[in-house]
């Protein structure tokens, strides 16, 4: 009987070790997170990285920065959509960007 108990114990330890290996190697897939940055939010990036007088930014295939002028907005330079995404969330892994509604920028992070 002790021999059988030892064999069962060895099989149990082996089974648990295998389960532990499977659990460690099979990490769950993490979903991507999308964050929408409005033109006013993009203005923060524009002021910090493009032109200190910029107050608003629009993404429409490219990131354009503007400052308030009389009577209209005045072009202040262009920025990088990917650099803007990294600027807003430097601790997250940047995956990509897309066009949002109202010329907003959608940044995708892991």
Protein backbone atom coordinates (compact mmCIF):
# COMPACT_ATOMS: atom_id res chain seq x y z
CA UNK A 1 0.00 0.00 0.00
CA UNK A 2 2.75 2.57 0.75
CA UNK A 3 4.22 1.97 -2.70
CA UNK A 4 0.84 2.77 -4.30
CA UNK A 5 0.45 5.88 -2.13
CA UNK A 6 3.89 7.09 -3.18
CA UNK A 7 3.08 6.48 -6.83
CA UNK A 8 -0.19 8.42 -6.51
CA UNK A 9 1.59 11.24 -4.70
CA UNK A 10 4.24 11.40 -7.42
CA UNK A 11 1.55 11.49 -10.11
CA UNK A 12 -0.29 14.23 -8.24
CA UNK A 13 2.87 16.32 -7.92
CA UNK A 14 3.61 15.82 -11.62
CA UNK A 15 0.06 16.77 -12.56
CA UNK A 16 0.18 19.89 -10.41
CA UNK A 17 3.54 20.85 -11.87
CA UNK A 18 2.13 20.50 -15.37
CA UNK A 19 -0.87 22.61 -14.47
CA UNK A 20 1.41 25.25 -13.04
CA UNK A 21 3.47 25.32 -16.23
CA UNK A 22 0.37 25.63 -18.36
CA UNK A 23 -0.97 28.43 -16.17
CA UNK A 24 2.29 30.38 -16.38
CA UNK A 25 2.78 29.97 -20.12
CA UNK A 26 -0.83 30.64 -21.11
CA UNK A 27 -1.22 34.30 -20.21
CA UNK A 28 -4.55 35.87 -21.08
CA UNK A 29 -4.66 38.19 -24.08
CA UNK A 30 -4.98 41.82 -23.09
CA UNK A 31 -7.52 43.92 -24.89
CA UNK A 32 -6.45 47.13 -26.57
CA UNK A 33 -7.67 50.36 -25.02
CA UNK A 34 -8.83 53.26 -27.17
CA UNK A 35 -8.71 56.81 -25.84
CA UNK A 36 -10.28 59.73 -27.72
CA UNK A 37 -8.54 63.11 -27.57
CA UNK A 38 -10.66 66.11 -28.53
CA UNK A 39 -9.29 69.12 -30.42
CA UNK A 40 -8.91 70.98 -27.11
CA UNK A 41 -6.93 68.08 -25.62
CA UNK A 42 -4.77 68.02 -28.74
CA UNK A 43 -4.15 71.71 -28.08
CA UNK A 44 -2.22 70.72 -24.94
CA UNK A 45 0.12 68.57 -27.04
CA UNK A 46 0.41 71.33 -29.67
CA UNK A 47 1.35 73.94 -27.05
CA UNK A 48 3.92 71.63 -25.44
CA UNK A 49 5.55 70.16 -28.53
CA UNK A 50 4.72 72.25 -31.63
CA UNK A 51 4.21 75.92 -30.79
CA UNK A 52 3.70 77.47 -27.33
CA UNK A 53 0.99 79.78 -28.68
CA UNK A 54 -1.08 76.86 -30.06
CA UNK A 55 -4.35 76.26 -28.24
CA UNK A 56 -6.23 73.72 -30.36
CA UNK A 57 -5.36 70.81 -32.63
CA UNK A 58 -7.30 68.91 -35.26
CA UNK A 59 -6.61 65.45 -36.65
CA UNK A 60 -7.78 64.97 -40.22
CA UNK A 61 -5.21 62.66 -41.78
CA UNK A 62 -2.52 64.76 -40.08
CA UNK A 63 -2.30 66.73 -36.84
CA UNK A 64 -2.63 70.48 -37.41
CA UNK A 65 -2.19 72.99 -34.59
CA UNK A 66 -3.81 76.43 -34.39
CA UNK A 67 -3.88 79.46 -32.13
CA UNK A 68 -6.73 81.87 -31.62
CA UNK A 69 -6.59 84.88 -33.90
CA UNK A 70 -8.87 87.65 -35.11
CA UNK A 71 -11.25 86.77 -36.63
CA UNK A 72 -10.28 83.12 -37.24
CA UNK A 73 -7.89 80.43 -36.10
CA UNK A 74 -4.29 80.92 -37.23
CA UNK A 75 -2.17 77.94 -38.28
CA UNK A 76 0.65 77.34 -35.78
CA UNK A 77 2.31 74.19 -37.15
CA UNK A 78 1.84 70.46 -37.48
CA UNK A 79 2.52 67.61 -35.11
CA UNK A 80 2.78 63.85 -35.15
CA UNK A 81 -0.34 61.85 -34.23
CA UNK A 82 1.76 58.97 -32.88
CA UNK A 83 3.93 61.36 -30.84
CA UNK A 84 0.75 62.94 -29.43
CA UNK A 85 -0.51 59.51 -28.32
CA UNK A 86 2.80 58.78 -26.58
CA UNK A 87 2.80 62.29 -25.04
CA UNK A 88 -0.61 61.75 -23.43
CA UNK A 89 0.12 58.25 -22.04
CA UNK A 90 3.86 57.57 -21.91
CA UNK A 91 3.46 54.64 -19.51
CA UNK A 92 1.19 52.66 -21.86
CA UNK A 93 2.31 50.68 -24.88
CA UNK A 94 1.29 52.64 -27.97
CA UNK A 95 -0.29 50.54 -30.74
CA UNK A 96 -1.70 53.00 -33.28
CA UNK A 97 -4.12 55.84 -33.97
CA UNK A 98 -7.23 56.57 -36.00
CA UNK A 99 -9.57 59.40 -37.00
CA UNK A 100 -12.27 60.22 -34.47
CA UNK A 101 -15.45 62.22 -34.81
CA UNK A 102 -15.21 66.02 -34.89
CA UNK A 103 -11.54 65.77 -35.98
CA UNK A 104 -10.53 64.11 -32.73
CA UNK A 105 -7.65 61.64 -32.46
CA UNK A 106 -8.22 58.07 -31.25
CA UNK A 107 -5.12 56.50 -29.71
CA UNK A 108 -4.84 52.75 -29.22
CA UNK A 109 -2.82 51.35 -26.32
CA UNK A 110 -2.08 47.88 -24.95
